[in-house]
């Protein structure tokens, strides 16, 4: 019989992390020295995007000759995967580490397992996502969608990064396939960083937080007044169609991101 976990709280020094496994295994709170960094609410915090990231065009993707249709939860597209709407099961936990899993099910057409782990230290948080198949190979993606507060009681946050390119965004909010020089914000755009994701968030005179990943894709979203998003992911939006990455019986999909911070 499966066990549904209650909220899990991890601590290290003055860093406190709360994970809500029931509502998509999202981080519902990250507090550093008592200051909350994430927008609060059941849609916010930081949720995993799995088994796809961002928008899948018209909710359709192919695996070889087989066409699959996903629910259009952001018409006319399917957005952000199913993991954020799923209750995850606990795998392990101690004071500063925890791991959870869930088994892929409808509307995703393939069987497999997704795992997510959290490792908190006094000055960093490491997140890991993995997807493995129980049989057939299939394309998939994984990543995270954090909602960092724009303002934590001082000046608004600054976002700093250097990208090799920006995915040109069409009127349908999907990448057109053209790579262009990065444009100034505001953004709801995907950027390429071949040497790995490296984005710095600075709340002046308060905190500097750096988001890193060895994967090369990141979506930056800062069109809302309350929060900004820095989303490391294993492929671009609509990547199930344009840049498929297969999960096979001998090669799972794995992605890691580390957030590190220091006081200013």
Protein backbone atom coordinates (compact mmCIF):
# COMPACT_ATOMS: atom_id res chain seq x y z
CA UNK A 1 0.00 0.00 0.00
CA UNK A 2 1.36 3.43 -0.94
CA UNK A 3 2.02 6.05 1.69
CA UNK A 4 1.22 9.69 1.12
CA UNK A 5 3.63 11.96 2.96
CA UNK A 6 2.80 15.08 4.87
CA UNK A 7 4.84 18.23 4.36
CA UNK A 8 8.53 17.58 4.96
CA UNK A 9 10.76 20.20 6.57
CA UNK A 10 14.54 20.17 6.10
CA UNK A 11 16.97 22.43 7.97
CA UNK A 12 20.67 23.29 7.77
CA UNK A 13 22.01 26.25 9.70
CA UNK A 14 19.49 29.05 9.24
CA UNK A 15 18.17 27.59 5.95
CA UNK A 16 14.72 25.99 6.08
CA UNK A 17 13.09 24.07 3.21
CA UNK A 18 9.52 22.74 3.14
CA UNK A 19 8.47 20.14 0.56
CA UNK A 20 4.80 19.35 -0.16
CA UNK A 21 4.75 15.81 -1.63
CA UNK A 22 0.94 15.69 -1.90
CA UNK A 23 0.76 18.69 -4.23
CA UNK A 24 3.31 17.81 -6.87
CA UNK A 25 6.35 17.39 -4.62
CA UNK A 26 6.87 21.12 -4.84
CA UNK A 27 9.00 23.27 -2.58
CA UNK A 28 6.37 25.31 -0.78
CA UNK A 29 8.88 27.39 1.19
CA UNK A 30 12.57 28.27 1.21
CA UNK A 31 13.58 30.56 4.07
CA UNK A 32 17.09 31.89 4.60
CA UNK A 33 17.59 33.52 7.96
CA UNK A 34 13.82 33.78 8.33
CA UNK A 35 13.33 35.51 4.94
CA UNK A 36 11.02 33.71 2.49
CA UNK A 37 12.42 33.55 -1.06
CA UNK A 38 9.51 31.87 -2.89
CA UNK A 39 6.08 33.16 -3.79
CA UNK A 40 3.47 31.47 -1.62
CA UNK A 41 0.34 29.65 -2.85
CA UNK A 42 -0.64 26.23 -4.15
CA UNK A 43 0.40 27.07 -7.73
CA UNK A 44 3.73 28.60 -6.76
CA UNK A 45 6.77 27.75 -4.65
CA UNK A 46 8.96 25.61 -6.92
CA UNK A 47 7.46 22.66 -8.77
CA UNK A 48 9.06 19.95 -10.92
CA UNK A 49 8.32 20.00 -14.64
CA UNK A 50 8.14 16.35 -15.68
CA UNK A 51 7.84 14.40 -17.99
CA UNK A 52 7.96 17.53 -20.17
CA UNK A 53 8.90 21.18 -19.67
CA UNK A 54 7.04 24.27 -20.79
CA UNK A 55 4.61 23.99 -23.66
CA UNK A 56 4.16 20.94 -25.90
CA UNK A 57 2.66 22.27 -29.10
CA UNK A 58 -1.06 21.49 -29.45
CA UNK A 59 -0.58 18.75 -26.84
CA UNK A 60 0.91 16.41 -29.45
CA UNK A 61 4.18 14.54 -29.72
CA UNK A 62 5.50 11.50 -31.56
CA UNK A 63 7.57 8.55 -30.49
CA UNK A 64 8.68 7.10 -33.80
CA UNK A 65 5.53 6.67 -35.88
CA UNK A 66 3.20 6.76 -32.89
CA UNK A 67 1.31 10.02 -32.27
CA UNK A 68 0.27 10.88 -28.70
CA UNK A 69 -2.13 13.54 -27.44
CA UNK A 70 -1.87 15.23 -24.05
CA UNK A 71 -4.59 17.24 -22.26
CA UNK A 72 -4.59 20.90 -23.26
CA UNK A 73 -4.16 22.41 -19.80
CA UNK A 74 -2.96 25.71 -21.33
CA UNK A 75 -4.92 25.81 -24.61
CA UNK A 76 -3.89 25.32 -27.31
CA UNK A 77 -0.93 23.61 -25.64
CA UNK A 78 -0.07 21.14 -22.87
CA UNK A 79 2.18 22.78 -20.30
CA UNK A 80 4.68 21.81 -17.57
CA UNK A 81 4.03 18.06 -17.34
CA UNK A 82 1.94 15.98 -14.96
CA UNK A 83 4.27 15.67 -11.96
CA UNK A 84 3.13 18.95 -10.43
CA UNK A 85 -0.45 17.60 -10.21
CA UNK A 86 0.53 14.25 -8.66
CA UNK A 87 0.96 13.01 -5.10
CA UNK A 88 4.50 11.65 -4.67
CA UNK A 89 5.59 8.92 -2.27
CA UNK A 90 8.42 9.23 0.27
CA UNK A 91 11.62 7.27 -0.34
CA UNK A 92 13.95 8.57 2.38
CA UNK A 93 14.42 11.50 4.73
CA UNK A 94 16.75 12.85 7.37
CA UNK A 95 17.30 16.32 8.81
CA UNK A 96 18.70 17.90 5.64
CA UNK A 97 17.92 15.41 2.82
CA UNK A 98 14.81 13.80 1.38
CA UNK A 99 13.73 11.89 -1.72
CA UNK A 100 10.36 11.06 -3.29
CA UNK A 101 8.98 9.19 -6.29
CA UNK A 102 5.86 8.56 -8.33
CA UNK A 103 4.97 6.16 -11.11
CA UNK A 104 4.05 7.62 -14.48
CA UNK A 105 0.39 7.08 -15.38
CA UNK A 106 -2.35 8.43 -17.65
CA UNK A 107 -2.47 10.83 -19.38
CA UNK A 108 1.23 10.08 -19.96
CA UNK A 109 1.26 7.12 -22.36
CA UNK A 110 4.34 5.27 -21.05
CA UNK A 111 5.18 3.42 -17.85
CA UNK A 112 8.09 4.53 -15.73
CA UNK A 113 9.17 6.09 -12.47
CA UNK A 114 10.15 9.65 -11.58
CA UNK A 115 12.35 10.44 -8.58
CA UNK A 116 13.21 13.78 -7.01
CA UNK A 117 15.69 14.45 -4.22
CA UNK A 118 16.54 17.47 -2.09
CA UNK A 119 19.86 18.11 -0.32
CA UNK A 120 20.09 21.22 1.85
CA UNK A 121 23.24 22.76 3.35
CA UNK A 122 23.79 26.05 5.14
CA UNK A 123 24.48 27.85 1.87
CA UNK A 124 23.07 25.68 -0.94
CA UNK A 125 20.24 23.46 -2.15
CA UNK A 126 20.81 20.64 -4.64
CA UNK A 127 17.81 19.23 -6.52
CA UNK A 128 17.86 16.09 -8.66
CA UNK A 129 15.23 14.64 -10.99
CA UNK A 130 15.37 11.26 -12.69
CA UNK A 131 13.08 9.43 -15.11
CA UNK A 132 13.38 5.70 -15.82
CA UNK A 133 11.28 3.46 -18.00
CA UNK A 134 9.66 0.16 -17.09
CA UNK A 135 9.75 -1.01 -20.71
CA UNK A 136 9.41 1.04 -23.89
CA UNK A 137 11.75 3.91 -24.63
CA UNK A 138 10.11 7.32 -24.82
CA UNK A 139 11.04 11.01 -25.19
CA UNK A 140 10.85 13.07 -22.00
CA UNK A 141 12.05 16.22 -20.29
CA UNK A 142 12.62 17.33 -16.72
CA UNK A 143 13.30 20.61 -14.95
CA UNK A 144 12.13 23.02 -12.26
CA UNK A 145 9.86 26.04 -12.16
CA UNK A 146 10.73 28.19 -9.12
CA UNK A 147 8.78 31.39 -8.38
CA UNK A 148 11.32 33.64 -6.65
CA UNK A 149 9.84 36.67 -4.95
CA UNK A 150 10.65 39.86 -6.83
CA UNK A 151 10.88 41.76 -3.55
CA UNK A 152 11.72 40.39 -0.12
CA UNK A 153 11.42 43.64 1.78
CA UNK A 154 14.10 45.78 0.12
CA UNK A 155 14.87 46.55 -3.52
CA UNK A 156 13.56 44.45 -6.39
CA UNK A 157 15.67 41.48 -7.46
CA UNK A 158 18.15 41.77 -10.35
CA UNK A 159 18.65 38.92 -12.83
CA UNK A 160 22.10 38.55 -14.40
CA UNK A 161 23.18 35.96 -16.98
CA UNK A 162 25.10 35.55 -20.22
CA UNK A 163 23.51 33.27 -22.81
CA UNK A 164 24.95 32.09 -26.12
CA UNK A 165 21.56 32.43 -27.78
CA UNK A 166 17.85 32.96 -27.26
CA UNK A 167 15.22 30.73 -28.81
CA UNK A 168 13.08 32.97 -31.00
CA UNK A 169 9.52 32.82 -29.66
CA UNK A 170 6.61 32.69 -32.09
CA UNK A 171 3.13 34.15 -31.65
CA UNK A 172 2.07 30.74 -30.32
CA UNK A 173 4.68 31.01 -27.51
CA UNK A 174 6.66 28.10 -28.99
CA UNK A 175 10.25 28.38 -30.23
CA UNK A 176 10.33 28.92 -33.99
CA UNK A 177 13.56 26.95 -34.41
CA UNK A 178 15.66 30.08 -34.97
CA UNK A 179 18.39 31.05 -32.54
CA UNK A 180 18.82 34.79 -32.08
CA UNK A 181 21.04 37.08 -30.05
CA UNK A 182 19.63 37.50 -26.52
CA UNK A 183 17.17 40.37 -26.25
CA UNK A 184 16.52 42.60 -23.22
CA UNK A 185 13.57 41.73 -20.98
CA UNK A 186 10.88 41.39 -19.94
CA UNK A 187 11.15 37.70 -20.79
CA UNK A 188 9.11 34.58 -21.20
CA UNK A 189 11.90 33.01 -23.19
CA UNK A 190 14.29 30.11 -23.44
CA UNK A 191 18.05 30.67 -23.53
CA UNK A 192 20.95 28.40 -24.42
CA UNK A 193 24.04 28.11 -22.22
CA UNK A 194 26.32 25.42 -23.69
CA UNK A 195 28.66 25.53 -20.70
CA UNK A 196 25.77 24.99 -18.30
CA UNK A 197 23.05 27.14 -16.79
CA UNK A 198 24.44 29.95 -14.64
CA UNK A 199 22.00 32.69 -13.55
CA UNK A 200 22.48 35.10 -10.66
CA UNK A 201 19.61 36.64 -8.67
CA UNK A 202 20.52 39.58 -6.46
CA UNK A 203 18.30 41.19 -3.85
CA UNK A 204 20.45 44.30 -3.19
CA UNK A 205 21.89 44.56 0.32
CA UNK A 206 20.17 41.28 1.22
CA UNK A 207 21.08 38.10 -0.67
CA UNK A 208 22.73 36.81 -3.83
CA UNK A 209 21.51 33.43 -5.13
CA UNK A 210 23.01 31.57 -8.10
CA UNK A 211 21.13 28.91 -10.07
CA UNK A 212 23.40 26.43 -11.85
CA UNK A 213 22.94 23.22 -13.84
CA UNK A 214 25.14 21.22 -16.18
CA UNK A 215 22.26 21.17 -18.68
CA UNK A 216 22.27 24.00 -21.19
CA UNK A 217 18.64 25.18 -21.26
CA UNK A 218 16.96 27.75 -19.06
CA UNK A 219 13.68 29.65 -19.31
CA UNK A 220 13.55 33.12 -17.75
CA UNK A 221 10.10 34.51 -16.92
CA UNK A 222 9.72 37.92 -15.31
CA UNK A 223 6.43 39.27 -16.66
CA UNK A 224 4.61 39.18 -13.31
CA UNK A 225 4.88 41.86 -10.66
CA UNK A 226 5.15 39.45 -7.73
CA UNK A 227 7.82 37.00 -8.82
CA UNK A 228 10.50 35.99 -11.32
CA UNK A 229 11.26 32.47 -12.59
CA UNK A 230 14.59 30.88 -13.52
CA UNK A 231 13.85 27.42 -14.88
CA UNK A 232 16.73 25.02 -15.63
CA UNK A 233 15.54 22.18 -17.83
CA UNK A 234 16.80 19.30 -19.96
CA UNK A 235 15.47 20.71 -23.25
CA UNK A 236 13.66 23.67 -24.76
CA UNK A 237 9.89 24.23 -24.76
CA UNK A 238 8.20 21.86 -27.22
CA UNK A 239 11.32 19.74 -26.97
CA UNK A 240 9.37 16.47 -27.10
CA UNK A 241 8.92 17.38 -30.76
CA UNK A 242 12.00 19.42 -31.64
CA UNK A 243 14.79 17.98 -29.49
CA UNK A 244 13.59 14.57 -28.25
CA UNK A 245 15.73 12.97 -25.55
CA UNK A 246 14.94 9.31 -25.12
CA UNK A 247 14.57 7.54 -21.80
CA UNK A 248 15.67 3.96 -22.46
CA UNK A 249 15.98 0.82 -20.30
CA UNK A 250 19.74 1.40 -20.05
CA UNK A 251 19.81 5.21 -19.99
CA UNK A 252 17.47 7.15 -17.68
CA UNK A 253 17.07 10.90 -17.95
CA UNK A 254 18.77 12.74 -15.09
CA UNK A 255 19.12 16.44 -14.33
CA UNK A 256 20.58 18.33 -11.37
CA UNK A 257 20.45 21.96 -10.30
CA UNK A 258 22.18 23.68 -7.41
CA UNK A 259 21.11 26.95 -5.84
CA UNK A 260 23.83 28.58 -3.76
CA UNK A 261 23.55 31.80 -1.80
CA UNK A 262 25.45 34.31 0.25
CA UNK A 263 24.43 37.27 2.38
CA UNK A 264 25.24 40.78 1.17
